[in-house]
Amino acid sequence: MDQIVEIVNEELSPDRRPLKTLTKASDINQRVATVLAEKLPIEELVDVIRSMIRATRPTKYGDVPDMRAQEAGVKLAMSYLVGLPTQRIETKAEQVASNDGDIFMRVLSSPALLASMETLFDQVRAAKVAAGVESGKP
């Protein structure tokens, strides 16, 4: 990994270097990615992916598999070998009340909304009384 960081530092402008690691997402930008794509030998990339797949982490009981690193390595390897699947984007269509009649019907059909609005109106009335503001009713 240190050799990869050195390769990147040689190609970056002085205001962007020296990078110490490439472990933080903020360290990687378009220029770093371009340098890695142009300068990094494919064998090193394979070695990095292989080390991710075999990653372990120390615990008080000894080294255990680092499942997060291994999963990331497998996903990366599969994206190179097979390709990335189409990313699903879920959109939620929420209907917003378009007029007073819609709002009225929603309040009538939802006891929880009706109770919430009654509580809100009671709080407004109490705040008006406490502030000495008249309600505007005859």
Protein backbone atom coordinates (compact mmCIF):
# COMPACT_ATOMS: atom_id res chain seq x y z
CA MET A 1 0.00 0.00 0.00
CA ASP A 2 2.87 2.39 0.75
CA GLN A 3 4.16 1.95 -2.79
CA ILE A 4 0.75 2.92 -4.16
CA VAL A 5 0.71 6.07 -2.04
CA GLU A 6 4.20 6.96 -3.33
CA ILE A 7 3.04 6.54 -6.94
CA VAL A 8 0.11 8.88 -6.32
CA ASN A 9 2.25 11.49 -4.49
CA GLU A 10 4.70 11.65 -7.42
CA GLU A 11 1.89 12.65 -9.77
CA LEU A 12 -0.11 15.03 -7.58
CA SER A 13 0.39 18.77 -7.48
CA PRO A 14 2.29 20.12 -4.43
CA ASP A 15 -0.87 21.55 -2.85
CA ARG A 16 -2.47 18.07 -2.74
CA ARG A 17 0.45 16.10 -1.32
CA PRO A 18 1.85 14.36 0.47
CA LEU A 19 -0.88 11.84 1.03
CA LYS A 20 -0.03 9.48 3.87
CA THR A 21 -2.67 6.84 3.16
CA LEU A 22 -5.57 6.24 0.83
CA THR A 23 -7.84 4.90 3.54
CA LYS A 24 -10.03 7.99 3.90
CA ALA A 25 -12.62 8.72 1.23
CA SER A 26 -11.68 12.41 1.38
CA ASP A 27 -8.17 11.52 0.14
CA ILE A 28 -9.47 10.06 -3.09
CA ASN A 29 -10.62 12.41 -5.82
CA GLN A 30 -10.78 12.35 -9.62
CA ARG A 31 -7.05 13.07 -10.03
CA VAL A 32 -6.03 10.31 -7.59
CA ALA A 33 -8.29 7.84 -9.38
CA THR A 34 -6.80 8.83 -12.75
CA VAL A 35 -3.23 8.44 -11.46
CA LEU A 36 -4.06 5.03 -10.03
CA ALA A 37 -5.65 3.92 -13.29
CA GLU A 38 -2.65 5.10 -15.35
CA LYS A 39 0.27 4.16 -13.09
CA LEU A 40 -0.80 1.22 -10.96
CA PRO A 41 0.30 -2.13 -12.34
CA ILE A 42 -2.59 -4.55 -12.61
CA GLU A 43 -0.64 -7.11 -10.56
CA GLU A 44 -0.64 -4.76 -7.57
CA LEU A 45 -4.36 -4.23 -7.90
CA VAL A 46 -4.86 -7.98 -7.88
CA ASP A 47 -2.64 -8.28 -4.79
CA VAL A 48 -4.63 -5.57 -2.98
CA ILE A 49 -7.94 -7.28 -3.78
CA ARG A 50 -6.51 -10.66 -2.76
CA SER A 51 -5.33 -9.22 0.59
CA MET A 52 -8.81 -7.73 1.16
CA ILE A 53 -10.42 -11.12 0.59
CA ARG A 54 -8.03 -12.72 3.11
CA ALA A 55 -8.18 -9.88 5.66
CA THR A 56 -8.25 -10.63 9.37
CA ARG A 57 -8.54 -8.47 12.43
CA PRO A 58 -6.97 -8.97 15.83
CA THR A 59 -9.12 -9.75 18.85
CA LYS A 60 -8.28 -10.88 22.36
CA TYR A 61 -8.88 -14.45 21.17
CA GLY A 62 -6.52 -14.11 18.20
CA ASP A 63 -7.01 -13.11 14.60
CA VAL A 64 -10.49 -13.57 13.18
CA PRO A 65 -11.75 -12.96 9.63
CA ASP A 66 -12.56 -9.31 8.94
CA MET A 67 -15.91 -9.84 7.29
CA ARG A 68 -16.37 -6.22 6.20
CA ALA A 69 -13.01 -6.07 4.44
CA GLN A 70 -13.58 -9.51 2.93
CA GLU A 71 -17.01 -8.51 1.67
CA ALA A 72 -15.60 -5.32 0.14
CA GLY A 73 -12.83 -7.34 -1.53
CA VAL A 74 -15.27 -9.87 -2.97
CA LYS A 75 -17.55 -7.10 -4.26
CA LEU A 76 -14.60 -5.33 -5.85
CA ALA A 77 -13.31 -8.53 -7.44
CA MET A 78 -16.76 -9.40 -8.76
CA SER A 79 -17.22 -5.91 -10.19
CA TYR A 80 -14.02 -6.39 -12.20
CA LEU A 81 -14.72 -10.00 -13.18
CA VAL A 82 -18.45 -9.92 -13.88
CA GLY A 83 -19.43 -6.26 -13.84
CA LEU A 84 -21.60 -4.24 -11.54
CA PRO A 85 -25.31 -4.98 -11.46
CA THR A 86 -27.78 -2.30 -12.38
CA GLN A 87 -28.27 -0.13 -9.33
CA ARG A 88 -31.84 -0.04 -8.07
CA ILE A 89 -33.20 3.37 -7.30
CA GLU A 90 -36.40 3.43 -5.34
CA THR A 91 -38.59 6.48 -5.55
CA LYS A 92 -41.52 7.14 -3.31
CA ALA A 93 -44.46 9.01 -4.74
CA GLU A 94 -46.27 10.83 -1.98
CA GLN A 95 -49.49 12.60 -2.77
CA VAL A 96 -49.75 16.05 -1.27
CA ALA A 97 -53.11 17.59 -0.57
CA SER A 98 -53.93 19.97 -3.38
CA ASN A 99 -56.79 21.93 -1.82
CA ASP A 100 -58.69 22.50 1.40
CA GLY A 101 -61.16 19.69 0.62
CA ASP A 102 -58.31 17.18 0.41
CA ILE A 103 -56.88 18.35 3.71
CA PHE A 104 -60.32 18.20 5.34
CA MET A 105 -60.88 14.62 4.13
CA ARG A 106 -57.44 13.52 5.33
CA VAL A 107 -58.07 14.95 8.79
CA LEU A 108 -61.47 13.25 8.97
CA SER A 109 -60.06 9.89 7.88
CA SER A 110 -57.19 9.92 10.39
CA PRO A 111 -58.05 9.95 14.10
CA ALA A 112 -54.37 10.39 14.98
CA LEU A 113 -54.03 13.44 12.72
CA LEU A 114 -57.24 14.91 14.10
CA ALA A 115 -56.04 14.44 17.70
CA SER A 116 -52.67 15.96 16.82
CA MET A 117 -54.29 19.01 15.24
CA GLU A 118 -56.64 19.47 18.22
CA THR A 119 -53.64 19.40 20.57
CA LEU A 120 -51.84 21.94 18.40
CA PHE A 121 -54.83 24.28 18.34
CA ASP A 122 -55.22 24.00 22.13
CA GLN A 123 -51.54 24.96 22.53
CA VAL A 124 -52.02 27.95 20.20
CA ARG A 125 -55.08 29.12 22.13
CA ALA A 126 -53.21 28.78 25.45
CA ALA A 127 -50.25 30.73 24.07
CA LYS A 128 -52.58 33.51 22.89
CA VAL A 129 -54.22 33.73 26.31
CA ALA A 130 -50.83 33.79 28.04
CA ALA A 131 -49.63 36.55 25.70
CA GLY A 132 -52.85 38.55 26.16
CA VAL A 133 -53.72 38.41 22.46
CA GLU A 134 -57.40 38.49 21.61
CA SER A 135 -58.79 35.65 19.60
CA GLY A 136 -60.54 37.94 17.11
CA LYS A 137 -63.97 36.43 17.76
CA PRO A 138 -66.94 38.75 18.59
